[in-house]
């Protein structure tokens, strides 16, 4: 799951690029959050309760961070 969530952290500006620059792009962060939500919807009923819980938790944390960045 971390691999799928990493681009969101990058686009929120929480992870710097190798050259130290920020890749902050809130529109791209929102796109990746939306893609994770589509994954959650499409896998509903086909994953374990633990997997579902992890995805829900990741989405909650990313959405919260996104709202904080939007101000």
N, C-alpha and C. Protein backbone atom coordinates (compact mmCIF):
# COMPACT_ATOMS: atom_id res chain seq x y z
N UNK A 1 0.82 -1.19 0.00
CA UNK A 1 0.00 0.00 0.00
C UNK A 1 0.86 1.25 0.00
N UNK A 2 1.99 1.19 0.66
CA UNK A 2 2.87 2.36 0.74
C UNK A 2 3.32 2.80 -0.64
N UNK A 3 3.52 1.86 -1.53
CA UNK A 3 3.96 2.19 -2.89
C UNK A 3 2.89 3.01 -3.60
N UNK A 4 1.63 2.69 -3.37
CA UNK A 4 0.55 3.42 -4.03
C UNK A 4 0.31 4.78 -3.39
N UNK A 5 0.64 4.91 -2.11
CA UNK A 5 0.41 6.17 -1.41
C UNK A 5 1.59 7.14 -1.54
N UNK A 6 2.75 6.63 -1.90
CA UNK A 6 3.95 7.48 -1.96
C UNK A 6 3.82 8.68 -2.89
N UNK A 7 3.23 8.52 -4.09
CA UNK A 7 3.10 9.70 -4.96
C UNK A 7 2.28 10.82 -4.31
N UNK A 8 1.31 10.47 -3.47
CA UNK A 8 0.52 11.50 -2.81
C UNK A 8 1.41 12.33 -1.89
N UNK A 9 2.23 11.64 -1.10
CA UNK A 9 3.15 12.35 -0.20
C UNK A 9 4.11 13.23 -0.98
N UNK A 10 4.55 12.74 -2.11
CA UNK A 10 5.45 13.52 -2.98
C UNK A 10 4.74 14.78 -3.47
N UNK A 11 3.52 14.62 -3.97
CA UNK A 11 2.78 15.76 -4.50
C UNK A 11 2.25 16.70 -3.42
N UNK A 12 2.17 16.22 -2.19
CA UNK A 12 1.80 17.11 -1.09
C UNK A 12 3.01 17.90 -0.59
N UNK A 13 4.17 17.56 -1.11
CA UNK A 13 5.39 18.26 -0.72
C UNK A 13 6.01 17.72 0.55
N UNK A 14 5.54 16.56 1.02
CA UNK A 14 6.05 15.97 2.25
C UNK A 14 7.34 15.18 2.03
N UNK A 15 7.60 14.78 0.80
CA UNK A 15 8.82 14.06 0.45
C UNK A 15 9.55 14.89 -0.59
N UNK A 16 10.78 15.29 -0.29
CA UNK A 16 11.52 16.08 -1.29
C UNK A 16 12.05 15.21 -2.43
N UNK A 17 12.24 15.82 -3.55
CA UNK A 17 12.88 15.16 -4.69
C UNK A 17 14.35 14.92 -4.36
N UNK A 18 15.02 14.03 -5.10
CA UNK A 18 16.45 13.77 -4.83
C UNK A 18 17.32 15.02 -4.83
N UNK A 19 16.93 16.03 -5.60
CA UNK A 19 17.73 17.26 -5.64
C UNK A 19 17.34 18.25 -4.53
N UNK A 20 16.42 17.82 -3.66
CA UNK A 20 16.01 18.66 -2.54
C UNK A 20 14.84 19.57 -2.83
N UNK A 21 14.43 19.64 -4.09
CA UNK A 21 13.30 20.49 -4.48
C UNK A 21 11.98 19.85 -4.06
N UNK A 22 10.94 20.64 -4.01
CA UNK A 22 9.61 20.15 -3.70
C UNK A 22 8.84 19.90 -4.99
N UNK A 23 8.08 18.83 -5.00
CA UNK A 23 7.24 18.51 -6.16
C UNK A 23 5.78 18.80 -5.83
N UNK A 24 5.54 19.74 -4.93
CA UNK A 24 4.17 20.00 -4.48
C UNK A 24 3.27 20.36 -5.66
N UNK A 25 2.19 19.60 -5.77
CA UNK A 25 1.20 19.79 -6.81
C UNK A 25 -0.10 19.21 -6.26
N UNK A 26 -0.92 20.06 -5.68
CA UNK A 26 -2.12 19.58 -4.98
C UNK A 26 -3.13 18.93 -5.92
N UNK A 27 -3.17 19.36 -7.16
CA UNK A 27 -4.08 18.72 -8.12
C UNK A 27 -3.68 17.27 -8.37
N UNK A 28 -2.38 17.04 -8.51
CA UNK A 28 -1.90 15.66 -8.71
C UNK A 28 -2.10 14.83 -7.45
N UNK A 29 -1.92 15.43 -6.29
CA UNK A 29 -2.16 14.72 -5.02
C UNK A 29 -3.62 14.27 -4.96
N UNK A 30 -4.52 15.17 -5.31
CA UNK A 30 -5.95 14.84 -5.29
C UNK A 30 -6.27 13.72 -6.29
N UNK A 31 -5.65 13.76 -7.45
CA UNK A 31 -5.86 12.72 -8.46
C UNK A 31 -5.45 11.35 -7.90
N UNK A 32 -4.30 11.29 -7.26
CA UNK A 32 -3.82 10.01 -6.72
C UNK A 32 -4.69 9.54 -5.56
N UNK A 33 -5.18 10.46 -4.75
CA UNK A 33 -6.11 10.09 -3.68
C UNK A 33 -7.38 9.51 -4.29
N UNK A 34 -7.88 10.15 -5.32
CA UNK A 34 -9.07 9.65 -6.01
C UNK A 34 -8.84 8.26 -6.61
N UNK A 35 -7.65 8.03 -7.16
CA UNK A 35 -7.33 6.72 -7.72
C UNK A 35 -7.31 5.64 -6.64
N UNK A 36 -6.77 5.98 -5.48
CA UNK A 36 -6.79 5.02 -4.36
C UNK A 36 -8.22 4.74 -3.92
N UNK A 37 -9.09 5.75 -3.98
CA UNK A 37 -10.49 5.53 -3.62
C UNK A 37 -11.18 4.63 -4.64
N UNK A 38 -10.85 4.79 -5.90
CA UNK A 38 -11.39 3.89 -6.93
C UNK A 38 -10.93 2.45 -6.66
N UNK A 39 -9.67 2.29 -6.30
CA UNK A 39 -9.15 0.97 -5.94
C UNK A 39 -9.94 0.39 -4.77
N UNK A 40 -10.22 1.20 -3.76
CA UNK A 40 -11.01 0.76 -2.61
C UNK A 40 -12.39 0.30 -3.04
N UNK A 41 -13.03 1.07 -3.90
CA UNK A 41 -14.37 0.74 -4.36
C UNK A 41 -14.38 -0.55 -5.19
N UNK A 42 -13.42 -0.68 -6.09
CA UNK A 42 -13.38 -1.82 -7.00
C UNK A 42 -12.98 -3.12 -6.31
N UNK A 43 -12.27 -3.02 -5.19
CA UNK A 43 -11.84 -4.24 -4.50
C UNK A 43 -12.76 -4.60 -3.33
N UNK A 44 -13.77 -3.78 -3.09
CA UNK A 44 -14.69 -4.06 -1.98
C UNK A 44 -15.27 -5.46 -2.11
N UNK A 45 -15.19 -6.22 -1.03
CA UNK A 45 -15.70 -7.58 -1.04
C UNK A 45 -14.71 -8.61 -1.54
N UNK A 46 -13.59 -8.17 -2.08
CA UNK A 46 -12.58 -9.08 -2.62
C UNK A 46 -11.26 -9.03 -1.85
N UNK A 47 -11.26 -8.32 -0.74
CA UNK A 47 -10.05 -8.22 0.09
C UNK A 47 -10.42 -8.60 1.52
N UNK A 48 -9.39 -8.91 2.30
CA UNK A 48 -9.64 -9.26 3.70
C UNK A 48 -10.05 -8.00 4.47
N UNK A 49 -10.60 -8.22 5.66
CA UNK A 49 -10.99 -7.09 6.50
C UNK A 49 -9.77 -6.26 6.87
N UNK A 50 -8.64 -6.91 7.08
CA UNK A 50 -7.41 -6.19 7.42
C UNK A 50 -6.94 -5.33 6.25
N UNK A 51 -6.96 -5.89 5.05
CA UNK A 51 -6.55 -5.13 3.87
C UNK A 51 -7.47 -3.92 3.66
N UNK A 52 -8.75 -4.14 3.82
CA UNK A 52 -9.71 -3.06 3.68
C UNK A 52 -9.47 -1.97 4.72
N UNK A 53 -9.19 -2.39 5.93
CA UNK A 53 -8.93 -1.45 7.02
C UNK A 53 -7.68 -0.62 6.75
N UNK A 54 -6.63 -1.26 6.25
CA UNK A 54 -5.40 -0.55 5.93
C UNK A 54 -5.66 0.50 4.85
N UNK A 55 -6.38 0.11 3.81
CA UNK A 55 -6.67 1.05 2.73
C UNK A 55 -7.51 2.22 3.23
N UNK A 56 -8.51 1.94 4.05
CA UNK A 56 -9.35 3.00 4.62
C UNK A 56 -8.50 3.95 5.46
N UNK A 57 -7.59 3.40 6.26
CA UNK A 57 -6.73 4.21 7.11
C UNK A 57 -5.81 5.10 6.27
N UNK A 58 -5.21 4.51 5.25
CA UNK A 58 -4.32 5.27 4.37
C UNK A 58 -5.09 6.41 3.70
N UNK A 59 -6.26 6.11 3.18
CA UNK A 59 -7.07 7.14 2.53
C UNK A 59 -7.44 8.25 3.52
N UNK A 60 -7.81 7.88 4.72
CA UNK A 60 -8.18 8.88 5.73
C UNK A 60 -7.00 9.80 6.00
N UNK A 61 -5.82 9.23 6.22
CA UNK A 61 -4.64 10.04 6.54
C UNK A 61 -4.23 10.94 5.37
N UNK A 62 -4.31 10.41 4.15
CA UNK A 62 -3.95 11.22 2.97
C UNK A 62 -4.94 12.35 2.76
N UNK A 63 -6.22 12.06 2.94
CA UNK A 63 -7.23 13.10 2.78
C UNK A 63 -7.06 14.19 3.83
N UNK A 64 -6.77 13.78 5.06
CA UNK A 64 -6.55 14.75 6.13
C UNK A 64 -5.35 15.64 5.81
N UNK A 65 -4.27 15.05 5.36
CA UNK A 65 -3.07 15.82 5.01
C UNK A 65 -3.35 16.76 3.84
N UNK A 66 -4.13 16.27 2.87
CA UNK A 66 -4.50 17.10 1.72
C UNK A 66 -5.28 18.34 2.17
N UNK A 67 -6.25 18.14 3.05
CA UNK A 67 -7.05 19.25 3.56
C UNK A 67 -6.17 20.22 4.33
N UNK A 68 -5.23 19.71 5.10
CA UNK A 68 -4.31 20.60 5.83
C UNK A 68 -3.49 21.45 4.87
N UNK A 69 -3.02 20.85 3.78
CA UNK A 69 -2.22 21.59 2.80
C UNK A 69 -3.07 22.62 2.06
N UNK A 70 -4.31 22.30 1.80
CA UNK A 70 -5.20 23.23 1.08
C UNK A 70 -5.51 24.45 1.92
N UNK A 71 -5.46 24.26 3.24
CA UNK A 71 -5.69 25.39 4.15
C UNK A 71 -7.10 25.64 4.37
